[in-house]
Amino acid sequence: MRHSPSDSSDRSNDLLIKIIETLEACGIEEDTYQLHDYVDLDALEQLLASPNDDISVQFTVEGVQLDVSPKSVDVLGEDRSSTTED
């Protein structure tokens, strides 16, 4: 299944919002980091375009470890437990 460019852009924006909301839920304020310093945003867009749902990207922002897949944003680690799904 192919996605139109606007479809991909909408999904990318949704994913970025989920990442930001997850970080805020962990106590990280949006104005304390630049997400592009921690992860390649183009790679995240490619992740969304992938037909493979088993792919995920893991990265750490301000000490919060995230596991991001096309369907969810999960916080890794024992002391933080949060999942944001579609």
PDB file of N, CA and C in Angstrom:
ATOM      1  N   MET A   1       0.836  -1.178   0.000  1.00  0.00           N
ATOM      2  CA  MET A   1       0.000   0.000   0.000  1.00  0.00           C
ATOM      3  C   MET A   1       0.880   1.240   0.000  1.00  0.00           C
ATOM      4  N   ARG A   2       0.580   2.147  -0.884  1.00  0.00           N
ATOM      5  CA  ARG A   2       1.336   3.385  -0.957  1.00  0.00           C
ATOM      6  C   ARG A   2       0.579   4.495  -0.263  1.00  0.00           C
ATOM      7  N   HIS A   3       1.344   5.384   0.342  1.00  0.00           N
ATOM      8  CA  HIS A   3       0.749   6.539   1.021  1.00  0.00           C
ATOM      9  C   HIS A   3       1.047   7.785   0.205  1.00  0.00           C
ATOM     10  N   SER A   4       0.097   8.673   0.132  1.00  0.00           N
ATOM     11  CA  SER A   4       0.335   9.938  -0.552  1.00  0.00           C
ATOM     12  C   SER A   4       1.254  10.799   0.299  1.00  0.00           C
ATOM     13  N   PRO A   5       1.951  11.777  -0.312  1.00  0.00           N
ATOM     14  CA  PRO A   5       2.838  12.640   0.471  1.00  0.00           C
ATOM     15  C   PRO A   5       2.132  13.317   1.641  1.00  0.00           C
ATOM     16  N   SER A   6       0.896  13.770   1.440  1.00  0.00           N
ATOM     17  CA  SER A   6       0.197  14.434   2.540  1.00  0.00           C
ATOM     18  C   SER A   6      -0.157  13.432   3.626  1.00  0.00           C
ATOM     19  N   ASP A   7      -0.460  12.193   3.237  1.00  0.00           N
ATOM     20  CA  ASP A   7      -0.742  11.124   4.189  1.00  0.00           C
ATOM     21  C   ASP A   7       0.490  10.873   5.053  1.00  0.00           C
ATOM     22  N   SER A   8       1.647  10.797   4.404  1.00  0.00           N
ATOM     23  CA  SER A   8       2.901  10.572   5.117  1.00  0.00           C
ATOM     24  C   SER A   8       3.218  11.738   6.044  1.00  0.00           C
ATOM     25  N   SER A   9       2.975  12.953   5.569  1.00  0.00           N
ATOM     26  CA  SER A   9       3.228  14.132   6.387  1.00  0.00           C
ATOM     27  C   SER A   9       2.339  14.153   7.625  1.00  0.00           C
ATOM     28  N   ASP A  10       1.075  13.800   7.459  1.00  0.00           N
ATOM     29  CA  ASP A  10       0.152  13.741   8.592  1.00  0.00           C
ATOM     30  C   ASP A  10       0.605  12.703   9.604  1.00  0.00           C
ATOM     31  N   ARG A  11       1.014  11.537   9.129  1.00  0.00           N
ATOM     32  CA  ARG A  11       1.476  10.471  10.022  1.00  0.00           C
ATOM     33  C   ARG A  11       2.764  10.883  10.730  1.00  0.00           C
ATOM     34  N   SER A  12       3.636  11.583  10.004  1.00  0.00           N
ATOM     35  CA  SER A  12       4.880  12.058  10.599  1.00  0.00           C
ATOM     36  C   SER A  12       4.591  13.059  11.707  1.00  0.00           C
ATOM     37  N   ASN A  13       3.680  13.994  11.449  1.00  0.00           N
ATOM     38  CA  ASN A  13       3.310  14.976  12.468  1.00  0.00           C
ATOM     39  C   ASN A  13       2.682  14.296  13.676  1.00  0.00           C
ATOM     40  N   ASP A  14       1.822  13.297  13.431  1.00  0.00           N
ATOM     41  CA  ASP A  14       1.212  12.548  14.533  1.00  0.00           C
ATOM     42  C   ASP A  14       2.268  11.863  15.376  1.00  0.00           C
ATOM     43  N   LEU A  15       3.272  11.273  14.717  1.00  0.00           N
ATOM     44  CA  LEU A  15       4.334  10.593  15.446  1.00  0.00           C
ATOM     45  C   LEU A  15       5.138  11.581  16.282  1.00  0.00           C
ATOM     46  N   LEU A  16       5.460  12.723  15.720  1.00  0.00           N
ATOM     47  CA  LEU A  16       6.203  13.743  16.464  1.00  0.00           C
ATOM     48  C   LEU A  16       5.409  14.218  17.682  1.00  0.00           C
ATOM     49  N   ILE A  17       4.123  14.387  17.509  1.00  0.00           N
ATOM     50  CA  ILE A  17       3.268  14.796  18.634  1.00  0.00           C
ATOM     51  C   ILE A  17       3.281  13.732  19.720  1.00  0.00           C
ATOM     52  N   LYS A  18       3.196  12.455  19.318  1.00  0.00           N
ATOM     53  CA  LYS A  18       3.235  11.363  20.298  1.00  0.00           C
ATOM     54  C   LYS A  18       4.557  11.349  21.060  1.00  0.00           C
ATOM     55  N   ILE A  19       5.655  11.579  20.341  1.00  0.00           N
ATOM     56  CA  ILE A  19       6.978  11.600  20.987  1.00  0.00           C
ATOM     57  C   ILE A  19       7.034  12.738  21.996  1.00  0.00           C
ATOM     58  N   ILE A  20       6.609  13.923  21.596  1.00  0.00           N
ATOM     59  CA  ILE A  20       6.637  15.088  22.488  1.00  0.00           C
ATOM     60  C   ILE A  20       5.734  14.869  23.700  1.00  0.00           C
ATOM     61  N   GLU A  21       4.528  14.347  23.479  1.00  0.00           N
ATOM     62  CA  GLU A  21       3.610  14.081  24.602  1.00  0.00           C
ATOM     63  C   GLU A  21       4.190  13.042  25.557  1.00  0.00           C
ATOM     64  N   THR A  22       4.848  12.035  25.017  1.00  0.00           N
ATOM     65  CA  THR A  22       5.456  11.005  25.863  1.00  0.00           C
ATOM     66  C   THR A  22       6.575  11.601  26.701  1.00  0.00           C
ATOM     67  N   LEU A  23       7.407  12.437  26.087  1.00  0.00           N
ATOM     68  CA  LEU A  23       8.490  13.078  26.833  1.00  0.00           C
ATOM     69  C   LEU A  23       7.931  14.004  27.909  1.00  0.00           C
ATOM     70  N   GLU A  24       6.873  14.739  27.595  1.00  0.00           N
ATOM     71  CA  GLU A  24       6.251  15.620  28.586  1.00  0.00           C
ATOM     72  C   GLU A  24       5.676  14.812  29.745  1.00  0.00           C
ATOM     73  N   ALA A  25       5.105  13.654  29.449  1.00  0.00           N
ATOM     74  CA  ALA A  25       4.564  12.788  30.501  1.00  0.00           C
ATOM     75  C   ALA A  25       5.668  12.285  31.427  1.00  0.00           C
ATOM     76  N   CYS A  26       6.900  12.266  30.907  1.00  0.00           N
ATOM     77  CA  CYS A  26       8.051  11.852  31.714  1.00  0.00           C
ATOM     78  C   CYS A  26       8.719  13.040  32.411  1.00  0.00           C
ATOM     79  N   GLY A  27       8.133  14.226  32.261  1.00  0.00           N
ATOM     80  CA  GLY A  27       8.652  15.405  32.944  1.00  0.00           C
ATOM     81  C   GLY A  27       9.654  16.214  32.145  1.00  0.00           C
ATOM     82  N   ILE A  28       9.832  15.905  30.862  1.00  0.00           N
ATOM     83  CA  ILE A  28      10.764  16.655  30.023  1.00  0.00           C
ATOM     84  C   ILE A  28       9.977  17.740  29.291  1.00  0.00           C
ATOM     85  N   GLU A  29      10.306  18.989  29.553  1.00  0.00           N
ATOM     86  CA  GLU A  29       9.594  20.096  28.926  1.00  0.00           C
ATOM     87  C   GLU A  29      10.061  20.289  27.487  1.00  0.00           C
ATOM     88  N   GLU A  30       9.119  20.613  26.613  1.00  0.00           N
ATOM     89  CA  GLU A  30       9.383  20.727  25.178  1.00  0.00           C
ATOM     90  C   GLU A  30      10.480  21.739  24.846  1.00  0.00           C
ATOM     91  N   ASP A  31      10.586  22.802  25.608  1.00  0.00           N
ATOM     92  CA  ASP A  31      11.562  23.841  25.292  1.00  0.00           C
ATOM     93  C   ASP A  31      12.961  23.560  25.842  1.00  0.00           C
ATOM     94  N   THR A  32      13.194  22.361  26.399  1.00  0.00           N
ATOM     95  CA  THR A  32      14.514  22.044  26.955  1.00  0.00           C
ATOM     96  C   THR A  32      15.365  21.200  26.015  1.00  0.00           C
ATOM     97  N   TYR A  33      14.845  20.833  24.841  1.00  0.00           N
ATOM     98  CA  TYR A  33      15.598  19.998  23.904  1.00  0.00           C
ATOM     99  C   TYR A  33      15.182  20.314  22.470  1.00  0.00           C
ATOM    100  N   GLN A  34      16.037  19.927  21.545  1.00  0.00           N
ATOM    101  CA  GLN A  34      15.738  19.982  20.115  1.00  0.00           C
ATOM    102  C   GLN A  34      15.725  18.530  19.640  1.00  0.00           C
ATOM    103  N   LEU A  35      14.571  18.014  19.264  1.00  0.00           N
ATOM    104  CA  LEU A  35      14.430  16.609  18.920  1.00  0.00           C
ATOM    105  C   LEU A  35      15.410  16.189  17.833  1.00  0.00           C
ATOM    106  N   HIS A  36      15.667  17.048  16.869  1.00  0.00           N
ATOM    107  CA  HIS A  36      16.578  16.704  15.772  1.00  0.00           C
ATOM    108  C   HIS A  36      18.012  16.501  16.253  1.00  0.00           C
ATOM    109  N   ASP A  37      18.339  16.932  17.469  1.00  0.00           N
ATOM    110  CA  ASP A  37      19.658  16.671  18.035  1.00  0.00           C
ATOM    111  C   ASP A  37      19.798  15.230  18.526  1.00  0.00           C
ATOM    112  N   TYR A  38      18.676  14.531  18.693  1.00  0.00           N
ATOM    113  CA  TYR A  38      18.670  13.192  19.263  1.00  0.00           C
ATOM    114  C   TYR A  38      18.331  12.094  18.263  1.00  0.00           C
ATOM    115  N   VAL A  39      17.611  12.441  17.207  1.00  0.00           N
ATOM    116  CA  VAL A  39      17.179  11.429  16.243  1.00  0.00           C
ATOM    117  C   VAL A  39      17.063  12.067  14.860  1.00  0.00           C
ATOM    118  N   ASP A  40      17.326  11.272  13.850  1.00  0.00           N
ATOM    119  CA  ASP A  40      17.190  11.708  12.470  1.00  0.00           C
ATOM    120  C   ASP A  40      15.703  11.694  12.113  1.00  0.00           C
ATOM    121  N   LEU A  41      15.109  12.859  11.969  1.00  0.00           N
ATOM    122  CA  LEU A  41      13.677  12.956  11.699  1.00  0.00           C
ATOM    123  C   LEU A  41      13.309  12.367  10.339  1.00  0.00           C
ATOM    124  N   ASP A  42      14.231  12.423   9.377  1.00  0.00           N
ATOM    125  CA  ASP A  42      13.990  11.790   8.087  1.00  0.00           C
ATOM    126  C   ASP A  42      13.897  10.271   8.242  1.00  0.00           C
ATOM    127  N   ALA A  43      14.713   9.715   9.129  1.00  0.00           N
ATOM    128  CA  ALA A  43      14.654   8.269   9.390  1.00  0.00           C
ATOM    129  C   ALA A  43      13.308   7.890   9.994  1.00  0.00           C
ATOM    130  N   LEU A  44      12.778   8.736  10.856  1.00  0.00           N
ATOM    131  CA  LEU A  44      11.459   8.456  11.426  1.00  0.00           C
ATOM    132  C   LEU A  44      10.384   8.468  10.347  1.00  0.00           C
ATOM    133  N   GLU A  45      10.490   9.387   9.391  1.00  0.00           N
ATOM    134  CA  GLU A  45       9.528   9.421   8.298  1.00  0.00           C
ATOM    135  C   GLU A  45       9.628   8.152   7.457  1.00  0.00           C
ATOM    136  N   GLN A  46      10.850   7.677   7.213  1.00  0.00           N
ATOM    137  CA  GLN A  46      11.035   6.442   6.468  1.00  0.00           C
ATOM    138  C   GLN A  46      10.455   5.259   7.240  1.00  0.00           C
ATOM    139  N   LEU A  47      10.571   5.295   8.543  1.00  0.00           N
ATOM    140  CA  LEU A  47       9.993   4.257   9.386  1.00  0.00           C
ATOM    141  C   LEU A  47       8.488   4.170   9.155  1.00  0.00           C
ATOM    142  N   LEU A  48       7.837   5.303   9.102  1.00  0.00           N
ATOM    143  CA  LEU A  48       6.400   5.334   8.876  1.00  0.00           C
ATOM    144  C   LEU A  48       6.022   4.821   7.490  1.00  0.00           C
ATOM    145  N   ALA A  49       6.882   5.035   6.529  1.00  0.00           N
ATOM    146  CA  ALA A  49       6.604   4.605   5.161  1.00  0.00           C
ATOM    147  C   ALA A  49       6.886   3.119   4.958  1.00  0.00           C
ATOM    148  N   SER A  50       7.541   2.499   5.890  1.00  0.00           N
ATOM    149  CA  SER A  50       7.905   1.085   5.760  1.00  0.00           C
ATOM    150  C   SER A  50       6.681   0.190   5.890  1.00  0.00           C
ATOM    151  N   PRO A  51       6.602  -0.830   5.044  1.00  0.00           N
ATOM    152  CA  PRO A  51       5.478  -1.769   5.158  1.00  0.00           C
ATOM    153  C   PRO A  51       5.668  -2.764   6.308  1.00  0.00           C
ATOM    154  N   ASN A  52       6.835  -2.773   6.922  1.00  0.00           N
ATOM    155  CA  ASN A  52       7.154  -3.718   7.995  1.00  0.00           C
ATOM    156  C   ASN A  52       6.799  -3.105   9.345  1.00  0.00           C
ATOM    157  N   ASP A  53       5.787  -3.660  10.017  1.00  0.00           N
ATOM    158  CA  ASP A  53       5.351  -3.142  11.318  1.00  0.00           C
ATOM    159  C   ASP A  53       6.279  -3.540  12.458  1.00  0.00           C
ATOM    160  N   ASP A  54       7.251  -4.427  12.190  1.00  0.00           N
ATOM    161  CA  ASP A  54       8.154  -4.889  13.240  1.00  0.00           C
ATOM    162  C   ASP A  54       9.350  -3.969  13.434  1.00  0.00           C
ATOM    163  N   ILE A  55       9.463  -2.929  12.629  1.00  0.00           N
ATOM    164  CA  ILE A  55      10.595  -2.010  12.709  1.00  0.00           C
ATOM    165  C   ILE A  55      10.347  -0.989  13.813  1.00  0.00           C
ATOM    166  N   SER A  56      11.406  -0.688  14.568  1.00  0.00           N
ATOM    167  CA  SER A  56      11.318   0.378  15.552  1.00  0.00           C
ATOM    168  C   SER A  56      12.655   1.098  15.628  1.00  0.00           C
ATOM    169  N   VAL A  57      12.619   2.304  16.157  1.00  0.00           N
ATOM    170  CA  VAL A  57      13.817   3.111  16.356  1.00  0.00           C
ATOM    171  C   VAL A  57      13.904   3.421  17.836  1.00  0.00           C
ATOM    172  N   GLN A  58      15.084   3.211  18.403  1.00  0.00           N
ATOM    173  CA  GLN A  58      15.292   3.522  19.822  1.00  0.00           C
ATOM    174  C   GLN A  58      16.277   4.674  19.931  1.00  0.00           C
ATOM    175  N   PHE A  59      15.957   5.623  20.807  1.00  0.00           N
ATOM    176  CA  PHE A  59      16.844   6.751  21.063  1.00  0.00           C
ATOM    177  C   PHE A  59      16.527   7.326  22.428  1.00  0.00           C
ATOM    178  N   THR A  60      17.443   8.143  22.930  1.00  0.00           N
ATOM    179  CA  THR A  60      17.316   8.725  24.261  1.00  0.00           C
ATOM    180  C   THR A  60      17.283  10.239  24.148  1.00  0.00           C
ATOM    181  N   VAL A  61      16.312  10.855  24.805  1.00  0.00           N
ATOM    182  CA  VAL A  61      16.187  12.313  24.860  1.00  0.00           C
ATOM    183  C   VAL A  61      16.212  12.718  26.326  1.00  0.00           C
ATOM    184  N   GLU A  62      17.207  13.521  26.689  1.00  0.00           N
ATOM    185  CA  GLU A  62      17.313  14.022  28.069  1.00  0.00           C
ATOM    186  C   GLU A  62      17.169  12.895  29.102  1.00  0.00           C
ATOM    187  N   GLY A  63      17.797  11.740  28.818  1.00  0.00           N
ATOM    188  CA  GLY A  63      17.781  10.626  29.752  1.00  0.00           C
ATOM    189  C   GLY A  63      16.571   9.711  29.654  1.00  0.00           C
ATOM    190  N   VAL A  64      15.614  10.027  28.794  1.00  0.00           N
ATOM    191  CA  VAL A  64      14.430   9.190  28.613  1.00  0.00           C
ATOM    192  C   VAL A  64      14.640   8.338  27.364  1.00  0.00           C
ATOM    193  N   GLN A  65      14.648   7.014  27.555  1.00  0.00           N
ATOM    194  CA  GLN A  65      14.841   6.088  26.444  1.00  0.00           C
ATOM    195  C   GLN A  65      13.493   5.783  25.798  1.00  0.00           C
ATOM    196  N   LEU A  66      13.427   5.997  24.473  1.00  0.00           N
ATOM    197  CA  LEU A  66      12.195   5.766  23.730  1.00  0.00           C
ATOM    198  C   LEU A  66      12.382   4.661  22.706  1.00  0.00           C
ATOM    199  N   ASP A  67      11.316   3.914  22.473  1.00  0.00           N
ATOM    200  CA  ASP A  67      11.244   2.921  21.413  1.00  0.00           C
ATOM    201  C   ASP A  67      10.059   3.337  20.549  1.00  0.00           C
ATOM    202  N   VAL A  68      10.333   3.793  19.318  1.00  0.00           N
ATOM    203  CA  VAL A  68       9.302   4.349  18.456  1.00  0.00           C
ATOM    204  C   VAL A  68       9.074   3.420  17.269  1.00  0.00           C
ATOM    205  N   SER A  69       7.825   3.019  17.079  1.00  0.00           N
ATOM    206  CA  SER A  69       7.425   2.200  15.943  1.00  0.00           C
ATOM    207  C   SER A  69       6.304   2.933  15.213  1.00  0.00           C
ATOM    208  N   PRO A  70       5.888   2.434  14.054  1.00  0.00           N
ATOM    209  CA  PRO A  70       4.793   3.107  13.350  1.00  0.00           C
ATOM    210  C   PRO A  70       3.505   3.180  14.170  1.00  0.00           C
ATOM    211  N   LYS A  71       3.346   2.291  15.141  1.00  0.00           N
ATOM    212  CA  LYS A  71       2.096   2.243  15.899  1.00  0.00           C
ATOM    213  C   LYS A  71       2.181   2.784  17.316  1.00  0.00           C
ATOM    214  N   SER A  72       3.386   2.939  17.869  1.00  0.00           N
ATOM    215  CA  SER A  72       3.455   3.367  19.268  1.00  0.00           C
ATOM    216  C   SER A  72       4.766   4.060  19.589  1.00  0.00           C
ATOM    217  N   VAL A  73       4.733   4.769  20.703  1.00  0.00           N
ATOM    218  CA  VAL A  73       5.923   5.365  21.302  1.00  0.00           C
ATOM    219  C   VAL A  73       5.982   4.821  22.721  1.00  0.00           C
ATOM    220  N   ASP A  74       7.019   4.044  23.015  1.00  0.00           N
ATOM    221  CA  ASP A  74       7.162   3.409  24.325  1.00  0.00           C
ATOM    222  C   ASP A  74       8.371   3.960  25.046  1.00  0.00           C
ATOM    223  N   VAL A  75       8.244   4.105  26.354  1.00  0.00           N
ATOM    224  CA  VAL A  75       9.366   4.498  27.195  1.00  0.00           C
ATOM    225  C   VAL A  75      10.014   3.219  27.692  1.00  0.00           C
ATOM    226  N   LEU A  76      11.331   3.117  27.497  1.00  0.00           N
ATOM    227  CA  LEU A  76      12.073   1.953  27.953  1.00  0.00           C
ATOM    228  C   LEU A  76      12.654   2.221  29.334  1.00  0.00           C
ATOM    229  N   GLY A  77      12.834   1.201  30.101  1.00  0.00           N
ATOM    230  CA  GLY A  77      13.415   1.351  31.433  1.00  0.00           C
ATOM    231  C   GLY A  77      12.404   1.029  32.502  1.00  0.00           C
ATOM    232  N   GLU A  78      12.902   0.595  33.634  1.00  0.00           N
ATOM    233  CA  GLU A  78      12.034   0.158  34.725  1.00  0.00           C
ATOM    234  C   GLU A  78      11.358   1.298  35.458  1.00  0.00           C
ATOM    235  N   ASP A  79      12.044   2.443  35.585  1.00  0.00           N
ATOM    236  CA  ASP A  79      11.495   3.520  36.395  1.00  0.00           C
ATOM    237  C   ASP A  79      10.464   4.365  35.660  1.00  0.00           C
ATOM    238  N   ARG A  80      10.353   4.191  34.340  1.00  0.00           N
ATOM    239  CA  ARG A  80       9.365   4.943  33.567  1.00  0.00           C
ATOM    240  C   ARG A  80       8.563   3.953  32.745  1.00  0.00           C
ATOM    241  N   SER A  81       7.261   3.998  32.864  1.00  0.00           N
ATOM    242  CA  SER A  81       6.434   3.123  32.038  1.00  0.00           C
ATOM    243  C   SER A  81       5.312   3.924  31.408  1.00  0.00           C
ATOM    244  N   SER A  82       5.427   4.096  30.106  1.00  0.00           N
ATOM    245  CA  SER A  82       4.423   4.849  29.370  1.00  0.00           C
ATOM    246  C   SER A  82       4.393   4.344  27.957  1.00  0.00           C
ATOM    247  N   THR A  83       3.203   4.252  27.394  1.00  0.00           N
ATOM    248  CA  THR A  83       3.028   3.842  26.008  1.00  0.00           C
ATOM    249  C   THR A  83       1.978   4.741  25.388  1.00  0.00           C
ATOM    250  N   THR A  84       2.276   5.216  24.190  1.00  0.00           N
ATOM    251  CA  THR A  84       1.319   6.000  23.442  1.00  0.00           C
ATOM    252  C   THR A  84       1.080   5.265  22.128  1.00  0.00           C
ATOM    253  N   GLU A  85      -0.169   4.861  21.914  1.00  0.00           N
ATOM    254  CA  GLU A  85      -0.513   4.138  20.699  1.00  0.00           C
ATOM    255  C   GLU A  85      -1.548   4.901  19.921  1.00  0.00           C
ATOM    256  N   ASP A  86      -1.768   4.455  18.658  1.00  0.00           N
ATOM    257  CA  ASP A  86      -2.814   5.042  17.819  1.00  0.00           C
ATOM    258  C   ASP A  86      -4.165   4.824  18.430  1.00  0.00           C
TER     259      ASP A  86
END
